[in-house]
N, C-alpha and C. Protein backbone atom coordinates (compact mmCIF):
# COMPACT_ATOMS: atom_id res chain seq x y z
N UNK A 1 -41.52 36.37 66.35
CA UNK A 1 -41.33 36.66 64.95
C UNK A 1 -39.87 36.94 64.66
N UNK A 2 -39.22 37.50 65.69
CA UNK A 2 -37.82 37.75 65.50
C UNK A 2 -37.08 36.44 65.32
N UNK A 3 -37.51 35.39 66.01
CA UNK A 3 -36.87 34.10 65.87
C UNK A 3 -37.03 33.54 64.46
N UNK A 4 -38.21 33.72 63.90
CA UNK A 4 -38.46 33.22 62.55
C UNK A 4 -37.59 34.00 61.57
N UNK A 5 -37.51 35.27 61.72
CA UNK A 5 -36.71 36.09 60.83
C UNK A 5 -35.23 35.73 60.98
N UNK A 6 -34.81 35.55 62.24
CA UNK A 6 -33.44 35.19 62.47
C UNK A 6 -33.17 33.80 61.87
N UNK A 7 -34.12 32.89 62.12
CA UNK A 7 -34.00 31.55 61.59
C UNK A 7 -33.97 31.59 60.05
N UNK A 8 -34.84 32.39 59.46
CA UNK A 8 -34.89 32.53 58.01
C UNK A 8 -33.58 33.10 57.49
N UNK A 9 -33.05 34.07 58.20
CA UNK A 9 -31.80 34.68 57.78
C UNK A 9 -30.67 33.66 57.84
N UNK A 10 -30.65 32.85 58.91
CA UNK A 10 -29.62 31.83 59.04
C UNK A 10 -29.77 30.79 57.93
N UNK A 11 -30.98 30.39 57.69
CA UNK A 11 -31.24 29.39 56.63
C UNK A 11 -30.83 29.94 55.27
N UNK A 12 -31.18 31.18 55.04
CA UNK A 12 -30.83 31.79 53.76
C UNK A 12 -29.31 31.87 53.62
N UNK A 13 -28.65 32.23 54.74
CA UNK A 13 -27.19 32.30 54.71
C UNK A 13 -26.60 30.91 54.43
N UNK A 14 -27.17 29.91 55.12
CA UNK A 14 -26.68 28.54 54.95
C UNK A 14 -26.91 28.07 53.51
N UNK A 15 -28.07 28.39 52.99
CA UNK A 15 -28.38 27.98 51.62
C UNK A 15 -27.43 28.67 50.65
N UNK A 16 -27.26 29.98 50.82
CA UNK A 16 -26.40 30.73 49.92
C UNK A 16 -24.96 30.23 50.06
N UNK A 17 -24.51 30.02 51.30
CA UNK A 17 -23.16 29.53 51.53
C UNK A 17 -23.00 28.14 50.94
N UNK A 18 -24.02 27.32 51.16
CA UNK A 18 -23.98 25.96 50.63
C UNK A 18 -23.90 25.96 49.11
N UNK A 19 -24.68 26.81 48.51
CA UNK A 19 -24.64 26.89 47.04
C UNK A 19 -23.28 27.39 46.59
N UNK A 20 -22.74 28.28 47.35
CA UNK A 20 -21.41 28.78 47.02
C UNK A 20 -20.39 27.66 47.09
N UNK A 21 -20.47 26.85 48.17
CA UNK A 21 -19.54 25.72 48.31
C UNK A 21 -19.79 24.71 47.20
N UNK A 22 -21.07 24.41 47.00
CA UNK A 22 -21.40 23.47 45.92
C UNK A 22 -20.96 24.05 44.58
N UNK A 23 -21.17 25.34 44.41
CA UNK A 23 -20.76 26.00 43.17
C UNK A 23 -19.26 25.93 42.97
N UNK A 24 -18.50 26.14 44.07
CA UNK A 24 -17.04 26.06 43.98
C UNK A 24 -16.60 24.64 43.65
N UNK A 25 -17.22 23.67 44.33
CA UNK A 25 -16.88 22.28 44.07
C UNK A 25 -17.21 21.92 42.64
N UNK A 26 -18.37 22.35 42.18
CA UNK A 26 -18.77 22.07 40.80
C UNK A 26 -17.81 22.74 39.82
N UNK A 27 -17.40 23.95 40.13
CA UNK A 27 -16.46 24.65 39.24
C UNK A 27 -15.12 23.93 39.21
N UNK A 28 -14.65 23.45 40.37
CA UNK A 28 -13.38 22.72 40.41
C UNK A 28 -13.49 21.42 39.62
N UNK A 29 -14.61 20.68 39.83
CA UNK A 29 -14.82 19.44 39.08
C UNK A 29 -14.90 19.72 37.58
N UNK A 30 -15.60 20.79 37.24
CA UNK A 30 -15.73 21.14 35.82
C UNK A 30 -14.36 21.45 35.23
N UNK A 31 -13.52 22.13 36.01
CA UNK A 31 -12.19 22.46 35.52
C UNK A 31 -11.36 21.18 35.35
N UNK A 32 -11.45 20.26 36.32
CA UNK A 32 -10.73 18.99 36.20
C UNK A 32 -11.22 18.22 34.97
N UNK A 33 -12.53 18.15 34.82
CA UNK A 33 -13.11 17.43 33.69
C UNK A 33 -12.81 18.13 32.37
N UNK A 34 -12.71 19.44 32.42
CA UNK A 34 -12.41 20.18 31.19
C UNK A 34 -11.01 19.81 30.70
N UNK A 35 -10.09 19.52 31.63
CA UNK A 35 -8.74 19.13 31.23
C UNK A 35 -8.70 17.72 30.64
N UNK A 36 -9.56 16.84 31.13
CA UNK A 36 -9.55 15.46 30.63
C UNK A 36 -9.87 15.38 29.14
N UNK A 37 -10.97 16.00 28.68
CA UNK A 37 -11.22 15.91 27.25
C UNK A 37 -10.11 16.54 26.42
N UNK A 38 -9.48 17.59 26.95
CA UNK A 38 -8.38 18.21 26.22
C UNK A 38 -7.25 17.20 26.08
N UNK A 39 -6.94 16.49 27.17
CA UNK A 39 -5.90 15.48 27.10
C UNK A 39 -6.30 14.37 26.14
N UNK A 40 -7.56 13.94 26.21
CA UNK A 40 -8.05 12.90 25.32
C UNK A 40 -7.98 13.40 23.88
N UNK A 41 -8.46 14.63 23.67
CA UNK A 41 -8.41 15.19 22.33
C UNK A 41 -6.97 15.31 21.85
N UNK A 42 -6.06 15.66 22.76
CA UNK A 42 -4.66 15.79 22.39
C UNK A 42 -4.10 14.42 22.00
N UNK A 43 -4.48 13.39 22.78
CA UNK A 43 -4.03 12.03 22.48
C UNK A 43 -4.56 11.60 21.12
N UNK A 44 -5.85 11.85 20.87
CA UNK A 44 -6.44 11.52 19.58
C UNK A 44 -5.77 12.30 18.46
N UNK A 45 -5.46 13.57 18.74
CA UNK A 45 -4.80 14.39 17.72
C UNK A 45 -3.42 13.81 17.39
N UNK A 46 -2.70 13.37 18.43
CA UNK A 46 -1.39 12.76 18.20
C UNK A 46 -1.52 11.48 17.37
N UNK A 47 -2.53 10.64 17.72
CA UNK A 47 -2.75 9.40 16.97
C UNK A 47 -3.13 9.72 15.53
N UNK A 48 -4.01 10.71 15.34
CA UNK A 48 -4.42 11.09 13.99
C UNK A 48 -3.23 11.63 13.20
N UNK A 49 -2.36 12.36 13.90
CA UNK A 49 -1.17 12.90 13.24
C UNK A 49 -0.27 11.76 12.80
N UNK A 50 -0.08 10.76 13.68
CA UNK A 50 0.74 9.59 13.33
C UNK A 50 0.13 8.85 12.15
N UNK A 51 -1.21 8.65 12.20
CA UNK A 51 -1.88 7.97 11.10
C UNK A 51 -1.74 8.74 9.82
N UNK A 52 -1.84 10.05 9.92
CA UNK A 52 -1.72 10.90 8.74
C UNK A 52 -0.32 10.78 8.15
N UNK A 53 0.70 10.77 9.04
CA UNK A 53 2.08 10.63 8.56
C UNK A 53 2.28 9.27 7.90
N UNK A 54 1.69 8.21 8.50
CA UNK A 54 1.80 6.88 7.90
C UNK A 54 1.14 6.85 6.54
N UNK A 55 -0.04 7.47 6.44
CA UNK A 55 -0.75 7.51 5.16
C UNK A 55 0.05 8.28 4.13
N UNK A 56 0.71 9.37 4.56
CA UNK A 56 1.53 10.15 3.63
C UNK A 56 2.70 9.30 3.15
N UNK A 57 3.32 8.53 4.07
CA UNK A 57 4.43 7.66 3.68
C UNK A 57 3.96 6.61 2.70
N UNK A 58 2.77 6.02 2.96
CA UNK A 58 2.23 5.04 2.03
C UNK A 58 1.98 5.69 0.69
N UNK A 59 1.50 6.92 0.72
CA UNK A 59 1.26 7.66 -0.52
C UNK A 59 2.55 7.89 -1.27
N UNK A 60 3.63 8.21 -0.53
CA UNK A 60 4.94 8.40 -1.16
C UNK A 60 5.42 7.11 -1.81
N UNK A 61 5.23 5.98 -1.09
CA UNK A 61 5.63 4.69 -1.65
C UNK A 61 4.82 4.38 -2.90
N UNK A 62 3.53 4.67 -2.85
CA UNK A 62 2.68 4.43 -4.02
C UNK A 62 3.12 5.30 -5.19
N UNK A 63 3.48 6.57 -4.88
CA UNK A 63 3.95 7.46 -5.94
C UNK A 63 5.24 6.93 -6.55
N UNK A 64 6.15 6.43 -5.68
CA UNK A 64 7.41 5.87 -6.18
C UNK A 64 7.13 4.67 -7.07
N UNK A 65 6.18 3.82 -6.65
CA UNK A 65 5.80 2.66 -7.44
C UNK A 65 5.22 3.08 -8.78
N UNK A 66 4.39 4.12 -8.77
CA UNK A 66 3.81 4.64 -10.01
C UNK A 66 4.89 5.21 -10.91
N UNK A 67 5.86 5.91 -10.31
CA UNK A 67 6.95 6.48 -11.09
C UNK A 67 7.80 5.37 -11.72
N UNK A 68 8.07 4.32 -10.94
CA UNK A 68 8.85 3.20 -11.46
C UNK A 68 8.11 2.54 -12.61
N UNK A 69 6.81 2.36 -12.44
CA UNK A 69 6.00 1.74 -13.49
C UNK A 69 5.97 2.61 -14.74
N UNK A 70 5.87 3.92 -14.56
CA UNK A 70 5.87 4.84 -15.70
C UNK A 70 7.22 4.77 -16.44
N UNK A 71 8.32 4.71 -15.67
CA UNK A 71 9.65 4.60 -16.29
C UNK A 71 9.75 3.29 -17.07
N UNK A 72 9.24 2.21 -16.47
CA UNK A 72 9.29 0.90 -17.11
C UNK A 72 8.49 0.93 -18.42
N UNK A 73 7.30 1.52 -18.39
CA UNK A 73 6.48 1.61 -19.60
C UNK A 73 7.18 2.46 -20.66
N UNK A 74 7.79 3.55 -20.25
CA UNK A 74 8.51 4.41 -21.17
C UNK A 74 9.69 3.66 -21.78
N UNK A 75 10.40 2.91 -20.95
CA UNK A 75 11.53 2.12 -21.41
C UNK A 75 11.07 1.06 -22.40
N UNK A 76 9.95 0.38 -22.09
CA UNK A 76 9.39 -0.64 -22.98
C UNK A 76 9.02 -0.02 -24.32
N UNK A 77 8.37 1.15 -24.29
CA UNK A 77 7.96 1.82 -25.52
C UNK A 77 9.18 2.19 -26.37
N UNK A 78 10.22 2.66 -25.69
CA UNK A 78 11.45 3.03 -26.39
C UNK A 78 12.10 1.81 -27.04
N UNK A 79 12.13 0.69 -26.30
CA UNK A 79 12.71 -0.53 -26.85
C UNK A 79 11.88 -1.09 -28.00
N UNK A 80 10.56 -1.00 -27.88
CA UNK A 80 9.68 -1.51 -28.94
C UNK A 80 9.90 -0.76 -30.26
N UNK A 81 10.28 0.51 -30.17
CA UNK A 81 10.57 1.28 -31.39
C UNK A 81 11.81 0.73 -32.09
N UNK A 82 12.75 0.20 -31.29
CA UNK A 82 13.98 -0.36 -31.85
C UNK A 82 13.77 -1.76 -32.45
N UNK A 83 12.77 -2.48 -31.96
CA UNK A 83 12.55 -3.86 -32.38
C UNK A 83 12.06 -3.93 -33.83
N UNK A 84 12.52 -4.97 -34.53
CA UNK A 84 12.10 -5.17 -35.93
C UNK A 84 10.79 -5.96 -36.00
N UNK A 85 10.50 -6.76 -34.96
CA UNK A 85 9.23 -7.49 -34.94
C UNK A 85 8.39 -6.98 -33.76
N UNK A 86 7.09 -7.08 -33.90
CA UNK A 86 6.19 -6.58 -32.84
C UNK A 86 6.10 -7.59 -31.69
N UNK A 87 5.58 -7.14 -30.60
CA UNK A 87 5.39 -8.03 -29.45
C UNK A 87 4.44 -9.17 -29.83
N UNK A 88 3.38 -8.82 -30.57
CA UNK A 88 2.40 -9.82 -30.98
C UNK A 88 3.07 -10.90 -31.83
N UNK A 89 3.93 -10.49 -32.76
CA UNK A 89 4.64 -11.47 -33.59
C UNK A 89 5.56 -12.35 -32.73
N UNK A 90 6.24 -11.74 -31.77
CA UNK A 90 7.13 -12.48 -30.88
C UNK A 90 6.34 -13.49 -30.04
N UNK A 91 5.15 -13.07 -29.57
CA UNK A 91 4.30 -13.99 -28.79
C UNK A 91 3.90 -15.19 -29.65
N UNK A 92 3.52 -14.94 -30.91
CA UNK A 92 3.12 -16.03 -31.81
C UNK A 92 4.28 -17.00 -32.03
N UNK A 93 5.48 -16.46 -32.23
CA UNK A 93 6.67 -17.29 -32.43
C UNK A 93 6.93 -18.13 -31.18
N UNK A 94 6.84 -17.51 -30.00
CA UNK A 94 7.09 -18.22 -28.74
C UNK A 94 6.05 -19.32 -28.52
N UNK A 95 4.79 -19.03 -28.84
CA UNK A 95 3.72 -20.01 -28.63
C UNK A 95 3.80 -21.16 -29.63
N UNK A 96 4.38 -20.92 -30.82
CA UNK A 96 4.61 -22.01 -31.77
C UNK A 96 5.65 -22.98 -31.20
N UNK A 97 6.65 -22.44 -30.54
CA UNK A 97 7.72 -23.26 -29.97
C UNK A 97 7.22 -24.01 -28.73
N UNK A 98 6.54 -23.29 -27.83
CA UNK A 98 6.01 -23.88 -26.59
C UNK A 98 4.53 -23.49 -26.49
N UNK A 99 3.62 -24.36 -26.92
CA UNK A 99 2.19 -24.05 -26.84
C UNK A 99 1.75 -23.92 -25.38
N UNK A 100 0.94 -22.95 -25.11
CA UNK A 100 0.42 -22.72 -23.76
C UNK A 100 -0.13 -21.32 -23.63
N UNK A 101 -0.03 -20.78 -22.43
CA UNK A 101 -0.55 -19.44 -22.12
C UNK A 101 0.60 -18.56 -21.65
N UNK A 102 0.71 -17.38 -22.27
CA UNK A 102 1.74 -16.43 -21.83
C UNK A 102 1.25 -15.78 -20.54
N UNK A 103 2.05 -15.96 -19.48
CA UNK A 103 1.65 -15.39 -18.18
C UNK A 103 2.45 -14.15 -17.85
N UNK A 104 3.58 -13.96 -18.55
CA UNK A 104 4.39 -12.76 -18.33
C UNK A 104 5.29 -12.56 -19.53
N UNK A 105 5.54 -11.32 -19.85
CA UNK A 105 6.42 -11.05 -20.96
C UNK A 105 6.91 -9.61 -20.95
N UNK A 106 8.13 -9.43 -21.43
CA UNK A 106 8.67 -8.08 -21.54
C UNK A 106 9.79 -8.05 -22.57
N UNK A 107 10.16 -6.86 -22.93
CA UNK A 107 11.21 -6.62 -23.91
C UNK A 107 12.38 -6.00 -23.17
N UNK A 108 13.57 -6.55 -23.38
CA UNK A 108 14.74 -6.04 -22.67
C UNK A 108 15.99 -6.21 -23.52
N UNK A 109 17.01 -5.47 -23.12
CA UNK A 109 18.31 -5.61 -23.79
C UNK A 109 19.18 -6.51 -22.93
N UNK A 110 19.70 -7.57 -23.56
CA UNK A 110 20.61 -8.48 -22.88
C UNK A 110 21.87 -8.59 -23.72
N UNK A 111 22.98 -8.23 -23.15
CA UNK A 111 24.27 -8.27 -23.86
C UNK A 111 24.20 -7.53 -25.19
N UNK A 112 23.51 -6.40 -25.19
CA UNK A 112 23.41 -5.57 -26.39
C UNK A 112 22.37 -6.05 -27.40
N UNK A 113 21.72 -7.19 -27.13
CA UNK A 113 20.68 -7.73 -28.01
C UNK A 113 19.31 -7.40 -27.46
N UNK A 114 18.39 -7.07 -28.34
CA UNK A 114 17.01 -6.80 -27.97
C UNK A 114 16.26 -8.13 -27.95
N UNK A 115 15.71 -8.48 -26.78
CA UNK A 115 15.10 -9.79 -26.58
C UNK A 115 13.69 -9.66 -25.98
N UNK A 116 12.74 -10.38 -26.56
CA UNK A 116 11.43 -10.55 -25.93
C UNK A 116 11.55 -11.78 -25.04
N UNK A 117 11.22 -11.62 -23.76
CA UNK A 117 11.26 -12.74 -22.81
C UNK A 117 9.84 -13.04 -22.36
N UNK A 118 9.47 -14.30 -22.42
CA UNK A 118 8.12 -14.72 -22.03
C UNK A 118 8.18 -15.88 -21.05
N UNK A 119 7.19 -15.91 -20.16
CA UNK A 119 6.95 -17.09 -19.34
C UNK A 119 5.66 -17.69 -19.88
N UNK A 120 5.73 -18.97 -20.24
CA UNK A 120 4.57 -19.64 -20.82
C UNK A 120 4.21 -20.83 -19.93
N UNK A 121 2.92 -20.90 -19.58
CA UNK A 121 2.42 -22.01 -18.77
C UNK A 121 1.76 -23.01 -19.71
N UNK A 122 2.29 -24.23 -19.69
CA UNK A 122 1.71 -25.30 -20.51
C UNK A 122 0.48 -25.86 -19.80
N UNK A 123 -0.27 -26.71 -20.49
CA UNK A 123 -1.51 -27.28 -19.93
C UNK A 123 -1.24 -28.12 -18.68
N UNK A 124 -0.02 -28.67 -18.54
CA UNK A 124 0.30 -29.45 -17.34
C UNK A 124 0.85 -28.57 -16.21
N UNK A 125 0.72 -27.24 -16.37
CA UNK A 125 1.16 -26.21 -15.40
C UNK A 125 2.67 -26.04 -15.31
N UNK A 126 3.42 -26.68 -16.20
CA UNK A 126 4.86 -26.44 -16.27
C UNK A 126 5.08 -25.06 -16.87
N UNK A 127 6.01 -24.32 -16.30
CA UNK A 127 6.29 -22.97 -16.79
C UNK A 127 7.63 -22.97 -17.52
N UNK A 128 7.62 -22.40 -18.73
CA UNK A 128 8.82 -22.32 -19.56
C UNK A 128 9.23 -20.87 -19.75
N UNK A 129 10.53 -20.66 -19.82
CA UNK A 129 11.09 -19.37 -20.22
C UNK A 129 11.39 -19.47 -21.71
N UNK A 130 10.87 -18.51 -22.47
CA UNK A 130 11.13 -18.48 -23.90
C UNK A 130 11.64 -17.09 -24.26
N UNK A 131 12.75 -17.04 -24.98
CA UNK A 131 13.31 -15.77 -25.42
C UNK A 131 13.31 -15.74 -26.95
N UNK A 132 12.85 -14.60 -27.49
CA UNK A 132 12.79 -14.42 -28.94
C UNK A 132 13.59 -13.17 -29.30
N UNK A 133 14.48 -13.29 -30.25
CA UNK A 133 15.27 -12.15 -30.74
C UNK A 133 14.30 -11.15 -31.37
N UNK A 134 14.33 -9.90 -30.89
CA UNK A 134 13.38 -8.88 -31.34
C UNK A 134 13.71 -8.34 -32.73
N UNK A 135 14.87 -8.69 -33.27
CA UNK A 135 15.24 -8.24 -34.61
C UNK A 135 15.05 -9.33 -35.66
N UNK A 136 15.39 -10.58 -35.29
CA UNK A 136 15.33 -11.67 -36.28
C UNK A 136 14.12 -12.57 -36.12
N UNK A 137 13.51 -12.58 -34.93
CA UNK A 137 12.38 -13.48 -34.68
C UNK A 137 12.83 -14.89 -34.33
N UNK A 138 14.12 -15.09 -34.15
CA UNK A 138 14.67 -16.41 -33.83
C UNK A 138 14.44 -16.71 -32.34
N UNK A 139 14.05 -17.97 -32.05
CA UNK A 139 13.92 -18.39 -30.65
C UNK A 139 15.32 -18.67 -30.13
N UNK A 140 15.73 -17.92 -29.13
CA UNK A 140 17.07 -18.02 -28.56
C UNK A 140 17.10 -19.05 -27.44
N UNK A 141 16.00 -19.13 -26.69
CA UNK A 141 15.95 -20.02 -25.53
C UNK A 141 14.52 -20.49 -25.35
N UNK A 142 14.37 -21.76 -25.01
CA UNK A 142 13.07 -22.33 -24.65
C UNK A 142 13.35 -23.46 -23.67
N UNK A 143 13.20 -23.16 -22.38
CA UNK A 143 13.49 -24.17 -21.36
C UNK A 143 12.58 -23.99 -20.15
N UNK A 144 12.53 -25.03 -19.33
CA UNK A 144 11.72 -24.94 -18.11
C UNK A 144 12.27 -23.82 -17.26
N UNK A 145 11.37 -23.03 -16.70
CA UNK A 145 11.74 -21.90 -15.85
C UNK A 145 12.64 -22.37 -14.72
N UNK A 146 13.75 -21.66 -14.49
CA UNK A 146 14.70 -22.03 -13.44
C UNK A 146 14.02 -22.16 -12.08
N UNK A 147 13.13 -21.23 -11.75
CA UNK A 147 12.42 -21.27 -10.46
C UNK A 147 11.54 -22.52 -10.40
N UNK A 148 10.89 -22.86 -11.50
CA UNK A 148 10.03 -24.03 -11.58
C UNK A 148 10.86 -25.30 -11.37
N UNK A 149 12.03 -25.33 -11.99
CA UNK A 149 12.91 -26.49 -11.90
C UNK A 149 13.40 -26.67 -10.47
N UNK A 150 13.77 -25.57 -9.79
CA UNK A 150 14.24 -25.64 -8.40
C UNK A 150 13.15 -26.16 -7.49
N UNK A 151 11.91 -25.64 -7.69
CA UNK A 151 10.79 -26.09 -6.86
C UNK A 151 10.56 -27.57 -7.07
N UNK A 152 10.67 -28.04 -8.33
CA UNK A 152 10.48 -29.46 -8.62
C UNK A 152 11.55 -30.31 -7.95
N UNK A 153 12.80 -29.84 -7.93
CA UNK A 153 13.87 -30.59 -7.30
C UNK A 153 13.69 -30.65 -5.79
N UNK A 154 13.22 -29.56 -5.20
CA UNK A 154 13.00 -29.53 -3.75
C UNK A 154 11.90 -30.50 -3.37
N UNK A 155 10.86 -30.57 -4.21
CA UNK A 155 9.73 -31.45 -3.92
C UNK A 155 10.15 -32.91 -4.07
N UNK A 156 10.93 -33.20 -5.11
CA UNK A 156 11.33 -34.58 -5.36
C UNK A 156 12.48 -35.03 -4.47
N UNK A 157 13.33 -34.09 -4.03
CA UNK A 157 14.55 -34.45 -3.31
C UNK A 157 14.33 -34.53 -1.87
């Protein structure tokens, strides 16, 4: 019986020691693995931070674009107050000269004169620049768009 007790004691010691070794190994592995997710999380945090900074920069660019657009609208409104004819009247005058579709238009000061500038696309897709004096309603210019003319020369030449 002493042998069984001794044997049991040895087995219990071996089991306890083994669990201790296994426990130490498991604790070391757990510690190593615990560092990996931290590194991964840190890497993801860095990437998220970079993405966040990029998004903030895009937001700044969008804000600048919005500010520029607001300034442009304010400038247009200010110029329209100075004009003797309305934009609608200027469009009608331009379309009488060059029938088509207005694809772009704005009011600007050129050499101290207030001018409505329009790009008009005719039915054959030719684009014309038309300028109308914002005070007199006189058509100052009606010609094929310079960019359109250059593209035509490149294609033909």
